[in-house]
């Protein structure tokens, strides 16, 4: 995963987003739809309709970056929101989300093997 500065705020957009959108369209969605500044250094995450692809928009102070991740199997866990409101999550929760783990309630799905 890309290392973001400590304390970077992470927002995930509720609902689904057209994955054909590029940087400019997503920045407009952040500004108009979420009411946030797309150039403020925060991360904005968007999920596609099939829930297997995520796009992350980030402005680092120098330029805008667009990261894309697609799961080969499974789906990203995403909050459902009819109004499309954004939800703030921690950087650790973002790490879980990008690994396809349920970030709302992370737990072992298999007991770790003991060494010894």
N, C-alpha and C. Protein backbone atom coordinates (compact mmCIF):
# COMPACT_ATOMS: atom_id res chain seq x y z
N UNK A 1 0.84 -1.18 0.00
CA UNK A 1 0.00 0.00 0.00
C UNK A 1 0.88 1.24 0.00
N UNK A 2 0.38 2.31 -0.57
CA UNK A 2 1.09 3.57 -0.62
C UNK A 2 1.11 4.16 0.80
N UNK A 3 2.26 4.70 1.21
CA UNK A 3 2.37 5.30 2.54
C UNK A 3 1.89 6.75 2.48
N UNK A 4 0.86 7.04 3.25
CA UNK A 4 0.32 8.39 3.32
C UNK A 4 0.84 9.04 4.59
N UNK A 5 0.91 10.38 4.63
CA UNK A 5 1.38 11.05 5.84
C UNK A 5 0.52 10.70 7.05
N UNK A 6 1.15 10.65 8.22
CA UNK A 6 0.42 10.35 9.45
C UNK A 6 -0.68 11.38 9.67
N UNK A 7 -1.82 10.91 10.11
CA UNK A 7 -2.93 11.80 10.40
C UNK A 7 -3.76 12.18 9.19
N UNK A 8 -3.48 11.58 8.03
CA UNK A 8 -4.28 11.87 6.85
C UNK A 8 -5.69 11.33 7.05
N UNK A 9 -6.67 12.17 6.81
CA UNK A 9 -8.07 11.77 6.99
C UNK A 9 -8.52 10.98 5.76
N UNK A 10 -9.26 9.90 6.00
CA UNK A 10 -9.74 9.03 4.93
C UNK A 10 -11.26 9.07 4.92
N UNK A 11 -11.82 9.34 3.75
CA UNK A 11 -13.27 9.38 3.58
C UNK A 11 -13.67 8.32 2.56
N UNK A 12 -14.73 7.58 2.85
CA UNK A 12 -15.27 6.66 1.85
C UNK A 12 -16.67 7.16 1.48
N UNK A 13 -16.89 7.27 0.19
CA UNK A 13 -18.17 7.76 -0.32
C UNK A 13 -19.20 6.65 -0.21
N UNK A 14 -20.35 6.96 0.34
CA UNK A 14 -21.42 5.98 0.44
C UNK A 14 -22.00 5.70 -0.93
N UNK A 15 -22.54 4.51 -1.10
CA UNK A 15 -23.14 4.14 -2.37
C UNK A 15 -22.10 3.71 -3.39
N UNK A 16 -22.48 3.77 -4.65
CA UNK A 16 -21.59 3.33 -5.73
C UNK A 16 -21.25 4.51 -6.63
N UNK A 17 -20.13 4.37 -7.33
CA UNK A 17 -19.64 5.41 -8.23
C UNK A 17 -19.35 4.77 -9.58
N UNK A 18 -19.57 5.51 -10.63
CA UNK A 18 -19.24 5.06 -11.98
C UNK A 18 -17.71 4.97 -12.09
N UNK A 19 -17.19 3.79 -12.30
CA UNK A 19 -15.74 3.59 -12.34
C UNK A 19 -15.10 4.10 -13.63
N UNK A 20 -15.89 4.63 -14.53
CA UNK A 20 -15.32 5.28 -15.72
C UNK A 20 -14.83 6.68 -15.39
N UNK A 21 -15.21 7.21 -14.23
CA UNK A 21 -14.80 8.56 -13.81
C UNK A 21 -13.30 8.63 -13.61
N UNK A 22 -12.72 9.74 -14.03
CA UNK A 22 -11.31 9.99 -13.83
C UNK A 22 -11.10 10.98 -12.69
N UNK A 23 -9.89 11.54 -12.61
CA UNK A 23 -9.55 12.46 -11.53
C UNK A 23 -10.47 13.66 -11.46
N UNK A 24 -10.71 14.30 -12.59
CA UNK A 24 -11.51 15.52 -12.59
C UNK A 24 -12.95 15.25 -12.16
N UNK A 25 -13.54 14.18 -12.68
CA UNK A 25 -14.93 13.85 -12.32
C UNK A 25 -15.04 13.48 -10.85
N UNK A 26 -14.07 12.72 -10.34
CA UNK A 26 -14.11 12.34 -8.92
C UNK A 26 -13.87 13.56 -8.03
N UNK A 27 -12.98 14.46 -8.44
CA UNK A 27 -12.75 15.68 -7.67
C UNK A 27 -14.02 16.52 -7.61
N UNK A 28 -14.77 16.55 -8.70
CA UNK A 28 -16.04 17.27 -8.72
C UNK A 28 -17.05 16.60 -7.79
N UNK A 29 -17.08 15.26 -7.76
CA UNK A 29 -17.97 14.53 -6.85
C UNK A 29 -17.62 14.83 -5.39
N UNK A 30 -16.32 14.92 -5.10
CA UNK A 30 -15.87 15.24 -3.73
C UNK A 30 -16.37 16.63 -3.35
N UNK A 31 -16.18 17.58 -4.25
CA UNK A 31 -16.52 18.97 -3.95
C UNK A 31 -18.04 19.18 -3.90
N UNK A 32 -18.76 18.72 -4.90
CA UNK A 32 -20.20 18.98 -4.98
C UNK A 32 -21.01 17.99 -4.16
N UNK A 33 -20.67 16.72 -4.25
CA UNK A 33 -21.47 15.69 -3.59
C UNK A 33 -21.16 15.50 -2.12
N UNK A 34 -19.87 15.53 -1.77
CA UNK A 34 -19.47 15.27 -0.39
C UNK A 34 -19.23 16.55 0.41
N UNK A 35 -19.13 17.68 -0.29
CA UNK A 35 -18.91 18.95 0.40
C UNK A 35 -17.53 19.08 1.01
N UNK A 36 -16.53 18.41 0.43
CA UNK A 36 -15.16 18.47 0.94
C UNK A 36 -14.27 19.11 -0.13
N UNK A 37 -13.07 19.51 0.29
CA UNK A 37 -12.09 20.09 -0.63
C UNK A 37 -11.21 18.97 -1.19
N UNK A 38 -11.27 18.68 -2.49
CA UNK A 38 -10.46 17.59 -3.06
C UNK A 38 -8.96 17.88 -3.05
N UNK A 39 -8.58 19.12 -2.81
CA UNK A 39 -7.17 19.51 -2.80
C UNK A 39 -6.64 19.70 -1.39
N UNK A 40 -7.38 19.23 -0.38
CA UNK A 40 -7.02 19.45 1.02
C UNK A 40 -6.10 18.40 1.62
N UNK A 41 -5.66 17.42 0.84
CA UNK A 41 -4.74 16.41 1.37
C UNK A 41 -5.43 15.21 1.98
N UNK A 42 -6.75 15.13 1.90
CA UNK A 42 -7.48 13.98 2.43
C UNK A 42 -7.62 12.92 1.33
N UNK A 43 -7.85 11.69 1.76
CA UNK A 43 -8.08 10.58 0.83
C UNK A 43 -9.57 10.39 0.64
N UNK A 44 -9.99 10.17 -0.60
CA UNK A 44 -11.39 9.94 -0.90
C UNK A 44 -11.51 8.63 -1.67
N UNK A 45 -12.28 7.69 -1.13
CA UNK A 45 -12.41 6.36 -1.70
C UNK A 45 -13.79 6.18 -2.32
N UNK A 46 -13.81 5.58 -3.50
CA UNK A 46 -15.04 5.34 -4.23
C UNK A 46 -15.07 3.88 -4.67
N UNK A 47 -16.27 3.28 -4.65
CA UNK A 47 -16.44 1.88 -5.02
C UNK A 47 -17.35 1.76 -6.23
N UNK A 48 -17.05 0.79 -7.09
CA UNK A 48 -17.87 0.53 -8.26
C UNK A 48 -19.10 -0.31 -7.94
N UNK A 49 -19.99 -0.43 -8.89
CA UNK A 49 -21.26 -1.14 -8.71
C UNK A 49 -21.06 -2.62 -8.39
N UNK A 50 -20.09 -3.27 -9.01
CA UNK A 50 -19.86 -4.70 -8.75
C UNK A 50 -19.13 -4.94 -7.43
N UNK A 51 -18.67 -3.89 -6.79
CA UNK A 51 -17.98 -3.95 -5.49
C UNK A 51 -16.64 -4.66 -5.56
N UNK A 52 -16.07 -4.79 -6.75
CA UNK A 52 -14.77 -5.44 -6.85
C UNK A 52 -13.66 -4.45 -7.20
N UNK A 53 -14.01 -3.16 -7.32
CA UNK A 53 -13.02 -2.15 -7.69
C UNK A 53 -13.18 -0.91 -6.82
N UNK A 54 -12.04 -0.34 -6.42
CA UNK A 54 -12.02 0.88 -5.60
C UNK A 54 -11.08 1.88 -6.27
N UNK A 55 -11.47 3.16 -6.24
CA UNK A 55 -10.60 4.24 -6.69
C UNK A 55 -10.39 5.17 -5.51
N UNK A 56 -9.14 5.60 -5.33
CA UNK A 56 -8.78 6.51 -4.24
C UNK A 56 -8.19 7.77 -4.85
N UNK A 57 -8.74 8.91 -4.48
CA UNK A 57 -8.28 10.21 -4.96
C UNK A 57 -7.54 10.91 -3.83
N UNK A 58 -6.35 11.43 -4.15
CA UNK A 58 -5.53 12.09 -3.12
C UNK A 58 -4.70 13.20 -3.75
N UNK A 59 -4.73 14.35 -3.13
CA UNK A 59 -3.86 15.46 -3.53
C UNK A 59 -2.79 15.61 -2.46
N UNK A 60 -1.53 15.47 -2.83
CA UNK A 60 -0.43 15.48 -1.86
C UNK A 60 0.20 16.86 -1.68
N UNK A 61 -0.41 17.89 -2.25
CA UNK A 61 0.16 19.23 -2.15
C UNK A 61 0.93 19.61 -3.39
N UNK A 62 1.33 18.61 -4.17
CA UNK A 62 2.08 18.84 -5.40
C UNK A 62 1.21 18.52 -6.61
N UNK A 63 0.46 17.43 -6.51
CA UNK A 63 -0.39 17.01 -7.62
C UNK A 63 -1.44 16.01 -7.17
N UNK A 64 -2.40 15.78 -8.04
CA UNK A 64 -3.48 14.85 -7.76
C UNK A 64 -3.06 13.44 -8.18
N UNK A 65 -3.40 12.46 -7.34
CA UNK A 65 -3.12 11.05 -7.63
C UNK A 65 -4.43 10.28 -7.62
N UNK A 66 -4.51 9.28 -8.49
CA UNK A 66 -5.67 8.41 -8.55
C UNK A 66 -5.16 6.98 -8.48
N UNK A 67 -5.53 6.28 -7.41
CA UNK A 67 -5.14 4.89 -7.22
C UNK A 67 -6.34 4.01 -7.49
N UNK A 68 -6.10 2.88 -8.13
CA UNK A 68 -7.17 1.94 -8.46
C UNK A 68 -6.77 0.56 -7.97
N UNK A 69 -7.71 -0.14 -7.34
CA UNK A 69 -7.46 -1.52 -6.93
C UNK A 69 -8.68 -2.35 -7.30
N UNK A 70 -8.43 -3.52 -7.89
CA UNK A 70 -9.50 -4.44 -8.24
C UNK A 70 -9.19 -5.78 -7.59
N UNK A 71 -10.19 -6.34 -6.91
CA UNK A 71 -10.03 -7.66 -6.31
C UNK A 71 -10.29 -8.73 -7.36
N UNK A 72 -9.45 -9.74 -7.39
CA UNK A 72 -9.64 -10.85 -8.31
C UNK A 72 -10.75 -11.77 -7.84
N UNK A 73 -10.95 -11.85 -6.53
CA UNK A 73 -12.03 -12.65 -5.95
C UNK A 73 -12.58 -11.90 -4.75
N UNK A 74 -13.86 -11.97 -4.54
CA UNK A 74 -14.48 -11.31 -3.40
C UNK A 74 -14.93 -9.90 -3.73
N UNK A 75 -15.40 -9.20 -2.70
CA UNK A 75 -15.92 -7.85 -2.86
C UNK A 75 -15.43 -6.97 -1.72
N UNK A 76 -15.34 -5.68 -2.00
CA UNK A 76 -15.00 -4.72 -0.97
C UNK A 76 -16.21 -4.49 -0.07
N UNK A 77 -15.97 -4.43 1.24
CA UNK A 77 -17.04 -4.14 2.21
C UNK A 77 -17.24 -2.64 2.21
N UNK A 78 -18.48 -2.21 2.02
CA UNK A 78 -18.77 -0.79 1.86
C UNK A 78 -20.04 -0.45 2.62
N UNK A 79 -20.09 0.73 3.24
CA UNK A 79 -21.34 1.11 3.92
C UNK A 79 -22.42 1.44 2.90
N UNK A 80 -23.66 1.13 3.24
CA UNK A 80 -24.76 1.48 2.34
C UNK A 80 -25.33 2.81 2.78
N UNK A 81 -25.49 3.70 1.82
CA UNK A 81 -26.02 5.03 2.12
C UNK A 81 -26.86 5.49 0.94
N UNK A 82 -28.14 5.71 1.19
CA UNK A 82 -29.03 6.17 0.14
C UNK A 82 -28.74 7.62 -0.23
N UNK A 83 -28.24 8.39 0.72
CA UNK A 83 -27.98 9.81 0.49
C UNK A 83 -26.59 10.05 -0.09
N UNK A 84 -25.73 9.05 -0.11
CA UNK A 84 -24.38 9.21 -0.65
C UNK A 84 -23.43 9.94 0.27
N UNK A 85 -23.74 9.95 1.57
CA UNK A 85 -22.88 10.64 2.52
C UNK A 85 -21.53 9.93 2.66
N UNK A 86 -20.52 10.70 3.00
CA UNK A 86 -19.18 10.16 3.21
C UNK A 86 -19.03 9.72 4.66
N UNK A 87 -18.18 8.73 4.86
CA UNK A 87 -17.91 8.21 6.20
C UNK A 87 -16.40 8.28 6.42
N UNK A 88 -15.99 8.85 7.55
CA UNK A 88 -14.57 8.94 7.87
C UNK A 88 -14.13 7.63 8.51
N UNK A 89 -12.99 7.10 8.05
CA UNK A 89 -12.40 5.89 8.62
C UNK A 89 -10.93 6.16 8.90
N UNK A 90 -10.31 5.27 9.67
CA UNK A 90 -8.89 5.42 10.00
C UNK A 90 -8.03 4.81 8.89
N UNK A 91 -6.74 5.13 8.93
CA UNK A 91 -5.82 4.56 7.95
C UNK A 91 -5.74 3.04 8.10
N UNK A 92 -5.84 2.53 9.35
CA UNK A 92 -5.82 1.08 9.57
C UNK A 92 -7.05 0.44 8.95
N UNK A 93 -8.21 1.08 9.09
CA UNK A 93 -9.43 0.55 8.48
C UNK A 93 -9.33 0.56 6.96
N UNK A 94 -8.67 1.58 6.40
CA UNK A 94 -8.45 1.62 4.96
C UNK A 94 -7.59 0.43 4.52
N UNK A 95 -6.58 0.11 5.32
CA UNK A 95 -5.74 -1.05 5.01
C UNK A 95 -6.55 -2.33 4.97
N UNK A 96 -7.45 -2.51 5.95
CA UNK A 96 -8.33 -3.68 5.95
C UNK A 96 -9.22 -3.67 4.71
N UNK A 97 -9.82 -2.51 4.43
CA UNK A 97 -10.72 -2.40 3.30
C UNK A 97 -10.02 -2.81 2.01
N UNK A 98 -8.80 -2.31 1.78
CA UNK A 98 -8.07 -2.60 0.55
C UNK A 98 -7.63 -4.06 0.46
N UNK A 99 -7.55 -4.74 1.61
CA UNK A 99 -7.23 -6.17 1.60
C UNK A 99 -8.47 -7.04 1.48
N UNK A 100 -9.65 -6.41 1.39
CA UNK A 100 -10.89 -7.17 1.25
C UNK A 100 -11.42 -7.70 2.57
N UNK A 101 -10.93 -7.18 3.69
CA UNK A 101 -11.36 -7.62 5.02
C UNK A 101 -12.47 -6.69 5.50
N UNK A 102 -13.43 -7.24 6.23
CA UNK A 102 -14.51 -6.42 6.78
C UNK A 102 -13.91 -5.47 7.82
N UNK A 103 -13.68 -4.22 7.45
CA UNK A 103 -13.02 -3.23 8.30
C UNK A 103 -13.87 -2.82 9.49
N UNK A 104 -15.19 -3.09 9.45
CA UNK A 104 -16.06 -2.71 10.56
C UNK A 104 -15.89 -3.62 11.75
N UNK A 105 -15.47 -4.89 11.50
CA UNK A 105 -15.32 -5.86 12.57
C UNK A 105 -14.22 -6.85 12.19
N UNK A 106 -12.96 -6.38 12.14
CA UNK A 106 -11.89 -7.30 11.74
C UNK A 106 -11.68 -8.39 12.78
N UNK A 107 -11.56 -9.62 12.32
CA UNK A 107 -11.30 -10.74 13.21
C UNK A 107 -10.68 -11.86 12.40
N UNK A 108 -10.06 -12.78 13.09
CA UNK A 108 -9.43 -13.90 12.43
C UNK A 108 -10.49 -14.80 11.80
N UNK A 109 -10.26 -15.18 10.57
CA UNK A 109 -11.16 -16.14 9.95
C UNK A 109 -10.56 -17.54 10.08
N UNK A 110 -9.32 -17.59 10.46
CA UNK A 110 -8.63 -18.86 10.66
C UNK A 110 -7.65 -18.65 11.81
N UNK A 111 -7.60 -19.61 12.72
CA UNK A 111 -6.69 -19.49 13.86
C UNK A 111 -5.25 -19.57 13.35
N UNK A 112 -4.40 -18.61 13.78
CA UNK A 112 -3.01 -18.67 13.35
C UNK A 112 -2.32 -19.93 13.88
N UNK A 113 -1.48 -20.49 13.06
CA UNK A 113 -0.76 -21.71 13.52
C UNK A 113 0.31 -21.32 14.52
N UNK A 114 0.43 -22.10 15.55
CA UNK A 114 1.45 -21.82 16.57
C UNK A 114 2.79 -22.36 16.09
N UNK A 115 3.80 -21.59 16.37
CA UNK A 115 5.16 -21.98 15.99
C UNK A 115 5.83 -22.57 17.21
N UNK A 116 6.47 -23.69 17.03
CA UNK A 116 7.18 -24.22 18.19
C UNK A 116 7.21 -25.66 18.32
